[in-house]
Amino acid sequence: MHTGAGVDLAAVAGDAWGAVAAGPLAPADRERVARRDRAVRAAVAQGLLGPGTPVAGLLDVTGIRNAAAELRAAFEAVLPPGTPVLHAFAVKASPLVPVVRLLRAAGIGAEVASAGELALARAAGVPPERTVLDSPAKTPAELREALAMGIAVNADNPQELARIDALVRSAPTRSPLGVRVNPQVGGGSIGALSTATTTSKFGVALRDAGAREWLLRAYAERPWLTRLHAHVGSQGIPPALMVRGLGEVYALAEEINRRAGRRQVDTLDIGGGLPVDFGSDASAPTYARYARLLAEAVPGLMDGRYGLVTEFGRSLLAKHGTLVARVEYTKAAGGRAVAVTHAGVQVATRTVYAPHAWPLRIAAYDAEGRPKEGPPVVQDVAGPACFAGDLLAEGRPLPELAPGDVVAAPDTGAYSFAHHYAYNSLPRVGVYGYVAEDGADGVRFATVREPQTVREIVAESGGAHASALTHL
């Protein structure tokens, strides 16, 4: 794999979790890379990627299953037997029904933050008791539906809790209920993903004047509040910050229970946020390392007295997705080689608009999908959108690309090709899951989402109402 000149991808990705030392990959990571190479070649051979469909997203089904198993095993290894744990996948990381169903089959529930995400989870067969609703802007209808179904709800603020009060009085509910708090421990290297800053929009600001007392009274007056939730942030958050934030929530739960004279709070929702190493093919940090860190730093959190809910998203999916695109043209500008592809802002929005926070590695393949060899040439990998900044990568040393070649961006299984941005009315790309058979070169694909057609673009853009404005 080739990384960009002048961009320290490992530093951006690893933060204080520590960059992975150079050297051989772990066997599981080597196997994942080998599956990816085989999948790219098979996608070309089987026509999933070609002149008519020049961009696609590929998902490694084996890798996703392995990630789910590793998550469950990591917490089982440090928790006393019988500790209730719900690992709920943050659906926003990959809002695709087949992905959520695959994770459900692997023992993972769903964390949803909108009516749409709840509908996706239900379509995937995730039962209400394995679903958690989080959002800072839940509507009365969303709350009513969740409470009627028995879905766990974390209230974001006092006004929302007042809405829940009225709903609980009007109809009994099986829903586990709690409050989200913001421990206000600070931010990481990516401000937009730091959810425990002083002024974060999420949760009850724990250090604001009067907030702690309000929380203690709120729980004392509502014996049905049995959970506490916090999420310190995701990519860019160092381990010390995550641990400090969760330690604050644990201390608050202990204080609530002392005041109540009983174990009123019985479950802590500790969010997700494990970062991904976008700088290499290594899977780091691991769930096992994170679980051990929590057990060592906040032992009371992990001693079995509290049930746990986790809400991992990116770390379950990112390493197991690859964005692939065909090179349409090559040119030079100002002495810089440019490869114009069909992957840009519509499938890698964060990378295009914030390249320093979200740089992607690029791998080059020839027209048959085989890893391309040759001396490195510094070149830009451009997308199809009509603005100058639509670059998947800038100034990267790669074997010289030619029309018909394939470029691949690994680590894009979360928050990338599943999240379409309709700039220039570019179509949503097809997404395909794959399993690489043992032995021979065979790779089996399954369609996760069909490529969007031009007719569907027109329909989505008001085609049925073409005369609506001229008739006013």
Protein backbone atom coordinates (compact mmCIF):
# COMPACT_ATOMS: atom_id res chain seq x y z
CA MET A 1 0.00 0.00 0.00
CA HIS A 2 1.20 3.51 -0.77
CA THR A 3 0.87 6.43 1.61
CA GLY A 4 0.97 10.10 0.77
CA ALA A 5 4.07 12.22 0.68
CA GLY A 6 4.05 14.73 3.50
CA VAL A 7 0.98 13.27 5.26
CA ASP A 8 1.60 11.31 8.47
CA LEU A 9 -1.39 9.01 8.18
CA ALA A 10 -0.40 6.94 11.22
CA ALA A 11 -0.15 10.01 13.41
CA VAL A 12 -3.55 11.27 12.29
CA ALA A 13 -5.13 7.89 12.91
CA GLY A 14 -3.41 6.58 15.99
CA ASP A 15 -3.29 9.68 18.20
CA ALA A 16 -2.04 8.76 21.68
CA TRP A 17 -3.07 5.13 21.19
CA GLY A 18 0.34 4.84 19.54
CA ALA A 19 1.24 4.24 15.94
CA VAL A 20 1.87 0.66 14.92
CA ALA A 21 5.55 -0.12 14.63
CA ALA A 22 6.80 -0.82 11.12
CA GLY A 23 7.17 -4.50 10.46
CA PRO A 24 5.22 -7.56 9.40
CA LEU A 25 1.46 -7.43 9.74
CA ALA A 26 -0.36 -9.78 12.06
CA PRO A 27 -1.61 -12.93 10.31
CA ALA A 28 -5.24 -11.79 10.43
CA ASP A 29 -4.32 -8.47 8.82
CA ARG A 30 -2.29 -10.20 6.10
CA GLU A 31 -5.24 -12.44 5.35
CA ARG A 32 -7.54 -9.41 5.11
CA VAL A 33 -5.21 -7.71 2.63
CA ALA A 34 -5.02 -10.89 0.55
CA ARG A 35 -8.83 -11.15 0.50
CA ARG A 36 -9.05 -7.53 -0.58
CA ASP A 37 -6.65 -8.03 -3.50
CA ARG A 38 -8.60 -11.07 -4.65
CA ALA A 39 -11.88 -9.18 -4.35
CA VAL A 40 -10.66 -6.26 -6.50
CA ARG A 41 -9.57 -8.63 -9.26
CA ALA A 42 -12.83 -10.60 -9.03
CA ALA A 43 -14.92 -7.41 -9.12
CA VAL A 44 -13.32 -6.53 -12.46
CA ALA A 45 -13.58 -10.07 -13.81
CA GLN A 46 -17.24 -10.40 -12.81
CA GLY A 47 -18.24 -6.99 -14.18
CA LEU A 48 -19.07 -5.29 -10.88
CA LEU A 49 -16.44 -2.70 -11.81
CA GLY A 50 -16.00 -1.63 -15.41
CA PRO A 51 -16.81 1.03 -18.02
CA GLY A 52 -20.54 0.93 -17.23
CA THR A 53 -20.13 0.80 -13.44
CA PRO A 54 -16.88 2.67 -12.79
CA VAL A 55 -17.07 2.89 -8.99
CA ALA A 56 -18.20 0.47 -6.27
CA GLY A 57 -17.92 -0.31 -2.58
CA LEU A 58 -16.71 -3.73 -1.45
CA LEU A 59 -17.32 -5.21 2.02
CA ASP A 60 -15.34 -8.11 3.47
CA VAL A 61 -17.96 -10.32 5.14
CA THR A 62 -15.36 -12.53 6.83
CA GLY A 63 -13.60 -9.49 8.28
CA ILE A 64 -16.84 -8.02 9.65
CA ARG A 65 -17.73 -11.30 11.32
CA ASN A 66 -14.25 -11.52 12.81
CA ALA A 67 -14.49 -7.95 14.16
CA ALA A 68 -17.80 -8.69 15.89
CA ALA A 69 -16.36 -11.84 17.46
CA GLU A 70 -13.26 -9.94 18.65
CA LEU A 71 -15.41 -7.25 20.27
CA ARG A 72 -17.50 -9.74 22.18
CA ALA A 73 -14.47 -11.79 23.25
CA ALA A 74 -12.57 -8.71 24.45
CA PHE A 75 -15.21 -7.74 26.99
CA GLU A 76 -15.97 -11.33 28.01
CA ALA A 77 -12.27 -11.71 28.88
CA VAL A 78 -12.32 -8.96 31.52
CA LEU A 79 -15.90 -9.04 32.85
CA PRO A 80 -17.20 -11.51 35.44
CA PRO A 81 -19.30 -14.30 33.87
CA GLY A 82 -22.93 -13.36 33.56
CA THR A 83 -22.39 -9.59 33.33
CA PRO A 84 -25.13 -8.24 31.04
CA VAL A 85 -23.54 -6.65 27.96
CA LEU A 86 -25.18 -5.29 24.83
CA HIS A 87 -22.85 -4.40 22.00
CA ALA A 88 -24.98 -2.10 19.84
CA PHE A 89 -23.66 -1.18 16.38
CA ALA A 90 -23.87 2.56 15.63
CA VAL A 91 -26.03 2.31 12.51
CA LYS A 92 -24.89 5.73 11.30
CA ALA A 93 -21.50 4.19 10.52
CA SER A 94 -23.02 2.03 7.76
CA PRO A 95 -26.76 2.53 7.25
CA LEU A 96 -27.22 -0.54 5.09
CA VAL A 97 -29.81 -3.15 6.08
CA PRO A 98 -27.73 -6.21 5.05
CA VAL A 99 -24.79 -4.92 7.12
CA VAL A 100 -26.95 -4.46 10.21
CA ARG A 101 -28.43 -7.92 9.70
CA LEU A 102 -24.97 -9.47 9.34
CA LEU A 103 -23.95 -7.91 12.64
CA ARG A 104 -27.20 -8.98 14.28
CA ALA A 105 -26.40 -12.57 13.28
CA ALA A 106 -22.97 -12.07 14.88
CA GLY A 107 -24.54 -11.10 18.22
CA ILE A 108 -24.50 -7.32 17.82
CA GLY A 109 -27.51 -5.03 18.43
CA ALA A 110 -28.19 -1.55 17.06
CA GLU A 111 -27.75 2.01 18.28
CA VAL A 112 -29.97 4.35 16.27
CA ALA A 113 -30.22 8.13 16.15
CA SER A 114 -33.25 8.80 13.96
CA ALA A 115 -36.54 7.33 12.82
CA GLY A 116 -34.80 6.28 9.61
CA GLU A 117 -32.06 4.38 11.42
CA LEU A 118 -34.65 2.72 13.65
CA ALA A 119 -36.53 1.61 10.53
CA LEU A 120 -33.29 0.17 9.10
CA ALA A 121 -32.62 -1.74 12.31
CA ARG A 122 -36.15 -3.12 12.34
CA ALA A 123 -35.83 -4.13 8.67
CA ALA A 124 -32.64 -5.96 9.60
CA GLY A 125 -34.51 -7.87 12.31
CA VAL A 126 -32.84 -6.30 15.34
CA PRO A 127 -35.28 -6.83 18.24
CA PRO A 128 -36.37 -3.86 20.37
CA GLU A 129 -34.60 -5.19 23.46
CA ARG A 130 -31.29 -5.04 21.56
CA THR A 131 -31.86 -1.50 20.25
CA VAL A 132 -30.85 1.83 21.80
CA LEU A 133 -32.20 5.23 20.70
CA ASP A 134 -29.82 8.17 20.99
CA SER A 135 -30.25 11.61 19.44
CA PRO A 136 -30.13 15.21 20.65
CA ALA A 137 -33.34 16.02 18.74
CA LYS A 138 -35.83 13.21 19.29
CA THR A 139 -39.37 14.17 18.31
CA PRO A 140 -42.44 13.29 20.39
CA ALA A 141 -43.40 10.73 17.75
CA GLU A 142 -39.98 9.07 17.89
CA LEU A 143 -40.10 8.88 21.67
CA ARG A 144 -43.64 7.51 21.64
CA GLU A 145 -42.70 4.79 19.16
CA ALA A 146 -39.57 3.78 21.08
CA LEU A 147 -41.38 3.58 24.42
CA ALA A 148 -44.22 1.58 22.90
CA MET A 149 -41.74 -0.93 21.49
CA GLY A 150 -39.60 -1.23 24.63
CA ILE A 151 -36.50 0.26 23.06
CA ALA A 152 -33.89 1.71 25.41
CA VAL A 153 -33.83 5.53 25.36
CA ASN A 154 -31.16 7.91 26.59
CA ALA A 155 -32.67 11.35 27.25
CA ASP A 156 -30.39 14.10 26.03
CA ASN A 157 -31.59 17.05 28.11
CA PRO A 158 -34.10 18.18 30.77
CA GLN A 159 -36.73 19.17 28.20
CA GLU A 160 -36.62 15.74 26.63
CA LEU A 161 -36.84 14.11 30.04
CA ALA A 162 -40.01 16.16 30.69
CA ARG A 163 -41.48 14.74 27.46
CA ILE A 164 -40.62 11.24 28.63
CA ASP A 165 -42.26 11.99 32.00
CA ALA A 166 -45.54 12.69 30.24
CA LEU A 167 -45.30 9.60 28.05
CA VAL A 168 -44.47 7.32 30.99
CA ARG A 169 -47.45 8.69 32.91
CA SER A 170 -49.80 8.10 29.99
CA ALA A 171 -48.70 4.56 29.13
CA PRO A 172 -46.49 1.97 30.87
CA THR A 173 -43.27 1.06 29.04
CA ARG A 174 -40.70 -1.74 29.17
CA SER A 175 -38.02 0.61 27.84
CA PRO A 176 -34.85 0.96 29.92
CA LEU A 177 -34.47 4.70 30.41
CA GLY A 178 -31.49 6.87 31.24
CA VAL A 179 -29.89 10.27 30.72
CA ARG A 180 -26.92 11.17 28.57
CA VAL A 181 -24.32 13.28 30.33
CA ASN A 182 -21.43 15.26 28.94
CA PRO A 183 -18.47 14.78 31.32
CA GLN A 184 -16.80 17.87 29.78
CA VAL A 185 -13.32 16.36 29.88
CA GLY A 186 -12.12 17.98 26.66
CA GLY A 187 -11.61 17.26 22.98
CA GLY A 188 -9.29 15.27 20.79
CA SER A 189 -7.49 16.02 17.54
CA ILE A 190 -10.68 16.18 15.44
CA GLY A 191 -12.97 18.79 16.93
CA ALA A 192 -16.06 17.73 14.99
CA LEU A 193 -15.93 14.28 16.60
CA SER A 194 -15.15 15.42 20.15
CA THR A 195 -18.40 15.09 22.08
CA ALA A 196 -17.19 15.84 25.61
CA THR A 197 -15.97 19.40 25.20
CA THR A 198 -17.20 22.21 27.44
CA THR A 199 -19.76 23.36 24.87
CA SER A 200 -20.69 20.06 23.19
CA LYS A 201 -24.29 19.90 22.00
CA PHE A 202 -24.75 16.42 23.49
CA GLY A 203 -26.12 15.49 26.89
CA VAL A 204 -26.39 17.28 30.22
CA ALA A 205 -23.20 19.28 30.81
CA LEU A 206 -22.01 17.67 34.03
CA ARG A 207 -19.70 20.48 35.20
CA ASP A 208 -22.08 23.36 34.50
CA ALA A 209 -23.40 25.15 37.58
CA GLY A 210 -26.25 23.19 39.15
CA ALA A 211 -26.14 20.34 36.61
CA ARG A 212 -24.93 17.63 38.97
CA GLU A 213 -27.53 18.48 41.58
CA TRP A 214 -30.23 18.54 38.93
CA LEU A 215 -29.19 15.06 37.81
CA LEU A 216 -29.21 13.72 41.35
CA ARG A 217 -32.72 15.11 41.90
CA ALA A 218 -33.92 13.84 38.53
CA TYR A 219 -32.93 10.29 39.43
CA ALA A 220 -34.26 10.55 42.98
CA GLU A 221 -37.65 11.65 41.64
CA ARG A 222 -37.76 8.98 38.91
CA PRO A 223 -36.99 5.49 40.17
CA TRP A 224 -37.50 4.24 36.62
CA LEU A 225 -34.31 5.99 35.47
CA THR A 226 -31.87 3.08 35.60
CA ARG A 227 -29.17 3.98 33.09
CA LEU A 228 -26.46 6.58 32.49
CA HIS A 229 -24.92 7.26 29.11
CA ALA A 230 -21.82 9.11 27.94
CA HIS A 231 -19.79 9.22 24.75
CA VAL A 232 -16.48 11.05 24.85
CA GLY A 233 -15.92 11.01 21.09
CA SER A 234 -14.58 8.80 18.33
CA GLN A 235 -11.68 9.23 15.90
CA GLY A 236 -8.98 11.46 17.33
CA ILE A 237 -9.76 10.82 21.02
CA PRO A 238 -6.74 9.69 23.10
CA PRO A 239 -7.22 6.86 25.61
CA ALA A 240 -6.66 9.03 28.68
CA LEU A 241 -9.57 11.25 27.65
CA MET A 242 -11.90 8.32 27.02
CA VAL A 243 -11.04 6.76 30.37
CA ARG A 244 -11.43 10.04 32.23
CA GLY A 245 -14.86 10.64 30.75
CA LEU A 246 -16.13 7.17 31.56
CA GLY A 247 -14.66 7.42 35.05
CA GLU A 248 -16.78 10.54 35.62
CA VAL A 249 -19.92 8.68 34.56
CA TYR A 250 -19.10 5.73 36.83
CA ALA A 251 -18.57 8.13 39.77
CA LEU A 252 -21.93 9.78 39.07
CA ALA A 253 -23.69 6.39 39.00
CA GLU A 254 -22.14 5.53 42.36
CA GLU A 255 -23.33 8.86 43.79
CA ILE A 256 -26.87 8.38 42.48
CA ASN A 257 -27.02 4.91 44.00
CA ARG A 258 -25.69 6.09 47.36
CA ARG A 259 -28.34 8.81 47.47
CA ALA A 260 -31.04 6.29 46.53
CA GLY A 261 -29.82 3.76 49.10
CA ARG A 262 -30.07 1.05 46.44
CA ARG A 263 -28.71 0.10 43.04
CA GLN A 264 -31.02 2.33 41.01
CA VAL A 265 -28.58 2.79 38.12
CA ASP A 266 -27.82 -0.73 36.99
CA THR A 267 -26.47 -0.17 33.46
CA LEU A 268 -23.86 2.20 32.01
CA ASP A 269 -23.87 2.98 28.30
CA ILE A 270 -20.23 3.79 27.58
CA GLY A 271 -20.61 4.66 23.88
CA GLY A 272 -18.10 3.63 21.26
CA GLY A 273 -15.39 5.70 19.71
CA LEU A 274 -12.47 3.29 19.35
CA PRO A 275 -10.28 4.92 16.67
CA VAL A 276 -9.09 3.24 13.49
CA ASP A 277 -5.51 3.25 12.19
CA PHE A 278 -5.99 4.72 8.71
CA GLY A 279 -2.22 4.89 8.24
CA SER A 280 -1.60 1.18 7.71
CA ASP A 281 -3.28 -2.17 7.23
CA ALA A 282 -2.85 -3.01 10.90
CA SER A 283 -5.91 -3.36 13.13
CA ALA A 284 -5.04 -1.13 16.05
CA PRO A 285 -5.94 -0.35 18.72
CA THR A 286 -7.71 -3.60 19.45
CA TYR A 287 -10.89 -4.16 21.42
CA ALA A 288 -8.90 -6.38 23.77
CA ARG A 289 -6.53 -3.53 24.58
CA TYR A 290 -9.40 -1.11 25.17
CA ALA A 291 -11.30 -3.50 27.44
CA ARG A 292 -8.15 -4.18 29.50
CA LEU A 293 -7.50 -0.44 29.78
CA LEU A 294 -10.99 0.16 31.15
CA ALA A 295 -10.66 -2.72 33.61
CA GLU A 296 -7.37 -1.33 34.91
CA ALA A 297 -8.31 2.36 34.99
CA VAL A 298 -11.96 2.17 36.16
CA PRO A 299 -12.21 -1.23 37.86
CA GLY A 300 -15.63 -0.55 39.36
CA LEU A 301 -17.03 -0.09 35.86
CA MET A 302 -15.96 -3.60 34.91
CA ASP A 303 -16.44 -5.60 38.11
CA GLY A 304 -19.88 -6.95 37.17
CA ARG A 305 -22.01 -4.64 39.32
CA TYR A 306 -23.14 -2.73 36.25
CA GLY A 307 -24.48 -3.99 32.98
CA LEU A 308 -22.77 -2.41 29.98
CA VAL A 309 -23.84 -1.08 26.60
CA THR A 310 -21.29 -0.24 23.92
CA GLU A 311 -21.94 1.66 20.68
CA PHE A 312 -19.03 0.95 18.34
CA GLY A 313 -19.39 1.83 14.67
CA ARG A 314 -16.31 2.82 12.68
CA SER A 315 -14.04 0.29 14.38
CA LEU A 316 -16.32 -2.61 13.41
CA LEU A 317 -16.54 -1.69 9.72
CA ALA A 318 -13.81 0.63 8.44
CA LYS A 319 -11.04 -1.91 7.90
CA HIS A 320 -13.41 -4.25 6.08
CA GLY A 321 -14.53 -1.93 3.30
CA THR A 322 -12.74 -0.87 0.12
CA LEU A 323 -13.78 1.83 -2.31
CA VAL A 324 -12.76 0.91 -5.88
CA ALA A 325 -12.90 3.16 -8.94
CA ARG A 326 -11.85 3.03 -12.57
CA VAL A 327 -9.41 5.58 -13.97
CA GLU A 328 -11.18 7.40 -16.81
CA TYR A 329 -8.45 9.78 -17.95
CA THR A 330 -4.90 10.76 -17.07
CA LYS A 331 -3.29 14.14 -17.66
CA ALA A 332 -0.65 16.50 -16.30
CA ALA A 333 -1.01 20.00 -14.88
CA GLY A 334 1.88 22.14 -13.70
CA GLY A 335 4.15 19.14 -13.92
CA ARG A 336 1.88 17.06 -11.66
CA ALA A 337 0.33 13.84 -12.99
CA VAL A 338 -3.43 13.61 -12.43
CA ALA A 339 -5.61 10.49 -12.64
CA VAL A 340 -9.29 11.36 -13.05
CA THR A 341 -11.50 8.68 -11.49
CA HIS A 342 -15.14 8.22 -10.57
CA ALA A 343 -14.54 8.28 -6.78
CA GLY A 344 -14.63 11.62 -5.07
CA VAL A 345 -16.82 13.77 -2.88
CA GLN A 346 -19.93 11.63 -3.42
CA VAL A 347 -18.32 8.60 -1.71
CA ALA A 348 -15.53 10.10 0.42
CA THR A 349 -17.07 13.38 1.55
CA ARG A 350 -15.05 13.79 4.74
CA THR A 351 -11.76 13.13 2.95
CA VAL A 352 -12.49 15.65 0.20
CA TYR A 353 -13.61 18.46 2.51
CA ALA A 354 -11.20 17.75 5.39
CA PRO A 355 -8.22 15.88 3.87
CA HIS A 356 -5.87 16.59 6.76
CA ALA A 357 -8.25 14.99 9.27
CA TRP A 358 -9.38 12.13 6.99
CA PRO A 359 -6.55 11.16 4.61
CA LEU A 360 -6.98 7.86 2.78
CA ARG A 361 -4.35 5.46 1.53
CA ILE A 362 -4.50 4.59 -2.17
CA ALA A 363 -3.60 1.29 -3.83
CA ALA A 364 -3.09 0.98 -7.58
CA TYR A 365 -4.31 -1.96 -9.66
CA ASP A 366 -4.08 -2.56 -13.41
CA ALA A 367 -7.05 -2.87 -15.74
CA GLU A 368 -7.53 -6.52 -14.75
CA GLY A 369 -7.55 -5.71 -11.05
CA ARG A 370 -4.04 -6.97 -10.29
CA PRO A 371 -1.74 -4.96 -7.99
CA LYS A 372 0.14 -2.58 -10.26
CA GLU A 373 3.92 -2.54 -10.27
CA GLY A 374 6.32 0.14 -11.44
CA PRO A 375 8.38 3.06 -10.18
CA PRO A 376 6.42 5.55 -8.08
CA VAL A 377 5.21 8.72 -9.74
CA VAL A 378 3.81 11.54 -7.63
CA GLN A 379 0.25 12.10 -8.80
CA ASP A 380 -3.16 13.31 -7.74
CA VAL A 381 -6.15 10.99 -7.66
CA ALA A 382 -9.11 13.15 -8.63
CA GLY A 383 -12.84 12.59 -8.44
CA PRO A 384 -15.58 13.39 -10.98
CA ALA A 385 -17.22 16.36 -9.29
CA CYS A 386 -17.01 19.86 -10.78
CA PHE A 387 -14.92 21.66 -8.20
CA ALA A 388 -11.16 21.85 -7.83
CA GLY A 389 -10.98 20.30 -4.38
CA ASP A 390 -12.61 17.02 -5.40
CA LEU A 391 -9.48 14.95 -4.76
CA LEU A 392 -9.38 11.49 -3.24
CA ALA A 393 -5.65 11.95 -2.67
CA GLU A 394 -3.09 14.61 -3.52
CA GLY A 395 0.58 14.20 -4.32
CA ARG A 396 0.76 10.45 -3.78
CA PRO A 397 3.66 8.31 -5.04
CA LEU A 398 2.01 5.49 -7.01
CA PRO A 399 2.86 3.38 -10.03
CA GLU A 400 1.92 5.56 -12.98
CA LEU A 401 -1.80 5.21 -13.56
CA ALA A 402 -3.36 4.81 -17.01
CA PRO A 403 -6.94 4.90 -18.31
CA GLY A 404 -8.72 1.68 -17.39
CA ASP A 405 -6.61 1.07 -14.29
CA VAL A 406 -8.27 0.72 -10.89
CA VAL A 407 -7.58 2.71 -7.74
CA ALA A 408 -8.67 1.42 -4.35
CA ALA A 409 -9.09 3.27 -1.05
CA PRO A 410 -8.96 0.79 1.85
CA ASP A 411 -10.48 1.40 5.28
CA THR A 412 -13.65 2.90 3.80
CA GLY A 413 -16.18 0.44 5.25
CA ALA A 414 -17.61 3.13 7.56
CA TYR A 415 -18.78 6.69 6.85
CA SER A 416 -17.80 6.49 3.18
CA PHE A 417 -19.47 4.80 0.22
CA ALA A 418 -22.59 3.98 2.24
CA HIS A 419 -23.10 7.74 2.82
CA HIS A 420 -23.97 9.20 -0.55
CA TYR A 421 -23.52 12.92 -1.21
CA ALA A 422 -25.46 13.86 -4.34
CA TYR A 423 -23.10 16.52 -5.71
CA ASN A 424 -23.54 16.94 -9.51
CA SER A 425 -26.40 14.41 -9.26
CA LEU A 426 -23.82 11.65 -9.20
CA PRO A 427 -25.47 8.27 -8.59
CA ARG A 428 -25.30 6.24 -5.41
CA VAL A 429 -22.73 3.51 -5.97
CA GLY A 430 -23.37 -0.19 -5.83
CA VAL A 431 -22.19 -1.93 -2.68
CA TYR A 432 -21.22 -5.61 -2.65
CA GLY A 433 -20.25 -7.99 0.13
CA TYR A 434 -17.70 -10.68 -0.66
CA VAL A 435 -16.35 -13.92 0.69
CA ALA A 436 -13.04 -15.20 -0.68
CA GLU A 437 -13.21 -18.97 -0.93
CA ASP A 438 -10.40 -21.02 0.53
CA GLY A 439 -7.93 -22.39 -1.96
CA ALA A 440 -8.69 -21.24 -5.50
CA ASP A 441 -9.18 -17.69 -6.74
CA GLY A 442 -12.96 -17.83 -6.38
CA VAL A 443 -14.67 -14.86 -4.75
CA ARG A 444 -18.42 -14.84 -4.16
CA PHE A 445 -20.26 -11.53 -4.15
CA ALA A 446 -23.69 -10.55 -2.84
CA THR A 447 -25.43 -7.28 -3.67
CA VAL A 448 -25.88 -5.06 -0.63
CA ARG A 449 -27.20 -2.06 -2.54
CA GLU A 450 -27.85 -1.73 -6.27
CA PRO A 451 -26.19 1.13 -8.17
CA GLN A 452 -28.59 4.02 -8.57
CA THR A 453 -29.98 4.56 -12.06
CA VAL A 454 -30.41 7.86 -13.89
CA ARG A 455 -34.18 7.34 -13.79
CA GLU A 456 -34.02 7.00 -10.00
CA ILE A 457 -31.99 10.22 -9.78
CA VAL A 458 -34.68 12.09 -11.71
CA ALA A 459 -37.45 10.62 -9.53
CA GLU A 460 -35.59 11.52 -6.35
CA SER A 461 -35.10 15.06 -7.64
CA GLY A 462 -38.79 15.85 -8.07
CA GLY A 463 -39.32 14.40 -11.53
CA ALA A 464 -42.94 13.56 -10.74
CA HIS A 465 -43.56 17.24 -9.88
CA ALA A 466 -41.83 18.84 -12.88
CA SER A 467 -44.59 21.42 -13.40
CA ALA A 468 -45.19 22.18 -9.71
CA LEU A 469 -43.54 25.61 -9.72
CA THR A 470 -44.64 26.80 -13.15
CA HIS A 471 -48.27 26.18 -12.12
CA LEU A 472 -48.07 28.48 -9.09
